Amino acid sequence: MSLHEHMNLLEDLKRAAWARTSPVSGQLNSWEFRKDCLGNLVRYQDYGKRTSPFGWELDFIKPRQLGGDTNPDNLQALHWKANAAKSDQIPVGLVSATVIDTSVKAA
């Protein structure tokens, strides 16, 4: 995959996750600032910026180590501090509206 294709894919994933965030009331540009599933204020242009109070990252709702896949339905925008605290856990209340079956099937 070329760098250009990779960057386009990343932008598509960012936009898909961003579309699942909540608008901030009273905000003129409802696309610039949003709230993640925990109510943290995030800013689109601050993606990947851990030095920003509004920085955010792409988060796997169901971690890959627990069988989650890489499709856009398994991604959400999450404030970087919440994402760092989450690690590979799925704490109650951290998951967006997506319902996840975390049961392990016996072989």
C-alpha atoms as a PDB file:
ATOM      1  CA  MET A   1       0.000   0.000   0.000  1.00  0.00           C
ATOM      2  CA  SER A   2       1.415   3.368  -0.972  1.00  0.00           C
ATOM      3  CA  LEU A   3       1.771   6.207   1.520  1.00  0.00           C
ATOM      4  CA  HIS A   4      -0.980   8.121  -0.288  1.00  0.00           C
ATOM      5  CA  GLU A   5      -3.377   5.151  -0.011  1.00  0.00           C
ATOM      6  CA  HIS A   6      -2.467   4.700   3.649  1.00  0.00           C
ATOM      7  CA  MET A   7      -3.150   8.373   4.418  1.00  0.00           C
ATOM      8  CA  ASN A   8      -6.512   8.218   2.619  1.00  0.00           C
ATOM      9  CA  LEU A   9      -7.479   5.098   4.587  1.00  0.00           C
ATOM     10  CA  LEU A  10      -6.480   6.752   7.874  1.00  0.00           C
ATOM     11  CA  GLU A  11      -8.525   9.850   7.037  1.00  0.00           C
ATOM     12  CA  ASP A  12     -11.548   7.694   6.184  1.00  0.00           C
ATOM     13  CA  LEU A  13     -11.247   5.851   9.516  1.00  0.00           C
ATOM     14  CA  LYS A  14     -10.873   9.124  11.425  1.00  0.00           C
ATOM     15  CA  ARG A  15     -13.987  10.573   9.766  1.00  0.00           C
ATOM     16  CA  ALA A  16     -16.023   7.418  10.441  1.00  0.00           C
ATOM     17  CA  ALA A  17     -15.077   7.485  14.140  1.00  0.00           C
ATOM     18  CA  TRP A  18     -15.605  11.264  14.347  1.00  0.00           C
ATOM     19  CA  ALA A  19     -19.115  10.901  12.923  1.00  0.00           C
ATOM     20  CA  ARG A  20     -20.012   8.838  16.024  1.00  0.00           C
ATOM     21  CA  THR A  21     -19.068  11.628  18.432  1.00  0.00           C
ATOM     22  CA  SER A  22     -21.683  13.989  19.869  1.00  0.00           C
ATOM     23  CA  PRO A  23     -22.118  17.659  18.949  1.00  0.00           C
ATOM     24  CA  VAL A  24     -21.384  20.313  21.553  1.00  0.00           C
ATOM     25  CA  SER A  25     -24.375  22.568  22.192  1.00  0.00           C
ATOM     26  CA  GLY A  26     -23.813  26.228  21.414  1.00  0.00           C
ATOM     27  CA  GLN A  27     -20.836  25.478  19.179  1.00  0.00           C
ATOM     28  CA  LEU A  28     -21.032  27.342  15.856  1.00  0.00           C
ATOM     29  CA  ASN A  29     -18.901  24.820  13.980  1.00  0.00           C
ATOM     30  CA  SER A  30     -20.398  21.525  15.142  1.00  0.00           C
ATOM     31  CA  TRP A  31     -17.739  19.534  13.275  1.00  0.00           C
ATOM     32  CA  GLU A  32     -14.641  21.111  14.901  1.00  0.00           C
ATOM     33  CA  PHE A  33     -15.342  20.355  18.581  1.00  0.00           C
ATOM     34  CA  ARG A  34     -17.276  17.261  19.632  1.00  0.00           C
ATOM     35  CA  LYS A  35     -17.672  15.010  22.674  1.00  0.00           C
ATOM     36  CA  ASP A  36     -16.446  11.440  22.797  1.00  0.00           C
ATOM     37  CA  CYS A  37     -18.581   8.669  24.334  1.00  0.00           C
ATOM     38  CA  LEU A  38     -17.435   9.722  27.823  1.00  0.00           C
ATOM     39  CA  GLY A  39     -18.288  13.382  27.298  1.00  0.00           C
ATOM     40  CA  ASN A  40     -14.666  14.506  26.874  1.00  0.00           C
ATOM     41  CA  LEU A  41     -14.241  17.521  24.600  1.00  0.00           C
ATOM     42  CA  VAL A  42     -12.186  16.653  21.515  1.00  0.00           C
ATOM     43  CA  ARG A  43     -11.142  18.668  18.462  1.00  0.00           C
ATOM     44  CA  TYR A  44     -10.843  17.124  14.999  1.00  0.00           C
ATOM     45  CA  GLN A  45      -7.563  18.805  14.086  1.00  0.00           C
ATOM     46  CA  ASP A  46      -5.989  17.603  17.356  1.00  0.00           C
ATOM     47  CA  TYR A  47      -6.028  13.940  16.300  1.00  0.00           C
ATOM     48  CA  GLY A  48      -2.969  12.177  17.723  1.00  0.00           C
ATOM     49  CA  LYS A  49      -1.815  15.203  19.744  1.00  0.00           C
ATOM     50  CA  ARG A  50      -1.189  14.067  23.311  1.00  0.00           C
ATOM     51  CA  THR A  51      -0.003  17.575  24.205  1.00  0.00           C
ATOM     52  CA  SER A  52      -3.437  19.050  23.458  1.00  0.00           C
ATOM     53  CA  PRO A  53      -6.249  19.193  26.023  1.00  0.00           C
ATOM     54  CA  PHE A  54      -8.558  18.251  23.106  1.00  0.00           C
ATOM     55  CA  GLY A  55      -6.373  15.520  21.580  1.00  0.00           C
ATOM     56  CA  TRP A  56      -7.973  12.238  20.581  1.00  0.00           C
ATOM     57  CA  GLU A  57      -7.097   8.884  19.112  1.00  0.00           C
ATOM     58  CA  LEU A  58      -8.763   6.085  17.233  1.00  0.00           C
ATOM     59  CA  ASP A  59      -9.799   3.431  19.722  1.00  0.00           C
ATOM     60  CA  PHE A  60     -10.742  -0.162  19.038  1.00  0.00           C
ATOM     61  CA  ILE A  61     -14.052  -0.624  20.847  1.00  0.00           C
ATOM     62  CA  LYS A  62     -13.384  -4.337  21.164  1.00  0.00           C
ATOM     63  CA  PRO A  63      -9.590  -4.646  21.424  1.00  0.00           C
ATOM     64  CA  ARG A  64      -7.837  -6.612  18.720  1.00  0.00           C
ATOM     65  CA  GLN A  65      -6.305  -8.856  21.414  1.00  0.00           C
ATOM     66  CA  LEU A  66      -9.859  -9.868  22.376  1.00  0.00           C
ATOM     67  CA  GLY A  67     -10.922 -10.610  18.801  1.00  0.00           C
ATOM     68  CA  GLY A  68     -11.928  -7.136  17.661  1.00  0.00           C
ATOM     69  CA  ASP A  69     -11.411  -6.360  14.015  1.00  0.00           C
ATOM     70  CA  THR A  70     -10.098  -3.307  12.195  1.00  0.00           C
ATOM     71  CA  ASN A  71     -13.260  -2.297  10.364  1.00  0.00           C
ATOM     72  CA  PRO A  72     -14.699   1.195  10.977  1.00  0.00           C
ATOM     73  CA  ASP A  73     -17.626  -0.204  13.005  1.00  0.00           C
ATOM     74  CA  ASN A  74     -15.144  -1.246  15.703  1.00  0.00           C
ATOM     75  CA  LEU A  75     -13.513   2.198  15.971  1.00  0.00           C
ATOM     76  CA  GLN A  76     -14.449   5.231  18.012  1.00  0.00           C
ATOM     77  CA  ALA A  77     -12.890   8.629  18.641  1.00  0.00           C
ATOM     78  CA  LEU A  78     -11.676   8.754  22.232  1.00  0.00           C
ATOM     79  CA  HIS A  79      -9.830  11.468  24.164  1.00  0.00           C
ATOM     80  CA  TRP A  80      -6.189  10.430  24.385  1.00  0.00           C
ATOM     81  CA  LYS A  81      -6.165  10.289  28.196  1.00  0.00           C
ATOM     82  CA  ALA A  82      -9.196   7.978  28.244  1.00  0.00           C
ATOM     83  CA  ASN A  83      -7.661   5.835  25.529  1.00  0.00           C
ATOM     84  CA  ALA A  84      -4.388   5.547  27.451  1.00  0.00           C
ATOM     85  CA  ALA A  85      -6.266   4.625  30.635  1.00  0.00           C
ATOM     86  CA  LYS A  86      -8.429   2.093  28.819  1.00  0.00           C
ATOM     87  CA  SER A  87      -5.529   0.081  27.431  1.00  0.00           C
ATOM     88  CA  ASP A  88      -7.025  -3.250  26.289  1.00  0.00           C
ATOM     89  CA  GLN A  89      -9.825  -3.264  28.836  1.00  0.00           C
ATOM     90  CA  ILE A  90     -13.501  -2.665  28.111  1.00  0.00           C
ATOM     91  CA  PRO A  91     -14.691  -0.737  31.193  1.00  0.00           C
ATOM     92  CA  VAL A  92     -18.420  -0.296  31.680  1.00  0.00           C
ATOM     93  CA  GLY A  93     -19.523   3.032  30.195  1.00  0.00           C
ATOM     94  CA  LEU A  94     -16.482   3.424  27.959  1.00  0.00           C
ATOM     95  CA  VAL A  95     -18.012   1.727  24.962  1.00  0.00           C
ATOM     96  CA  SER A  96     -20.175   3.729  22.607  1.00  0.00           C
ATOM     97  CA  ALA A  97     -23.645   2.570  21.571  1.00  0.00           C
ATOM     98  CA  THR A  98     -22.161  -0.573  20.029  1.00  0.00           C
ATOM     99  CA  VAL A  99     -22.959  -3.752  21.951  1.00  0.00           C
ATOM    100  CA  ILE A 100     -20.043  -6.127  22.275  1.00  0.00           C
ATOM    101  CA  ASP A 101     -20.104  -9.841  23.019  1.00  0.00           C
ATOM    102  CA  THR A 102     -16.898 -10.465  25.000  1.00  0.00           C
ATOM    103  CA  SER A 103     -17.665 -14.097  25.797  1.00  0.00           C
ATOM    104  CA  VAL A 104     -15.013 -16.571  24.787  1.00  0.00           C
ATOM    105  CA  LYS A 105     -16.289 -19.549  22.872  1.00  0.00           C
ATOM    106  CA  ALA A 106     -14.906 -22.932  23.894  1.00  0.00           C
ATOM    107  CA  ALA A 107     -13.107 -24.858  21.197  1.00  0.00           C
END
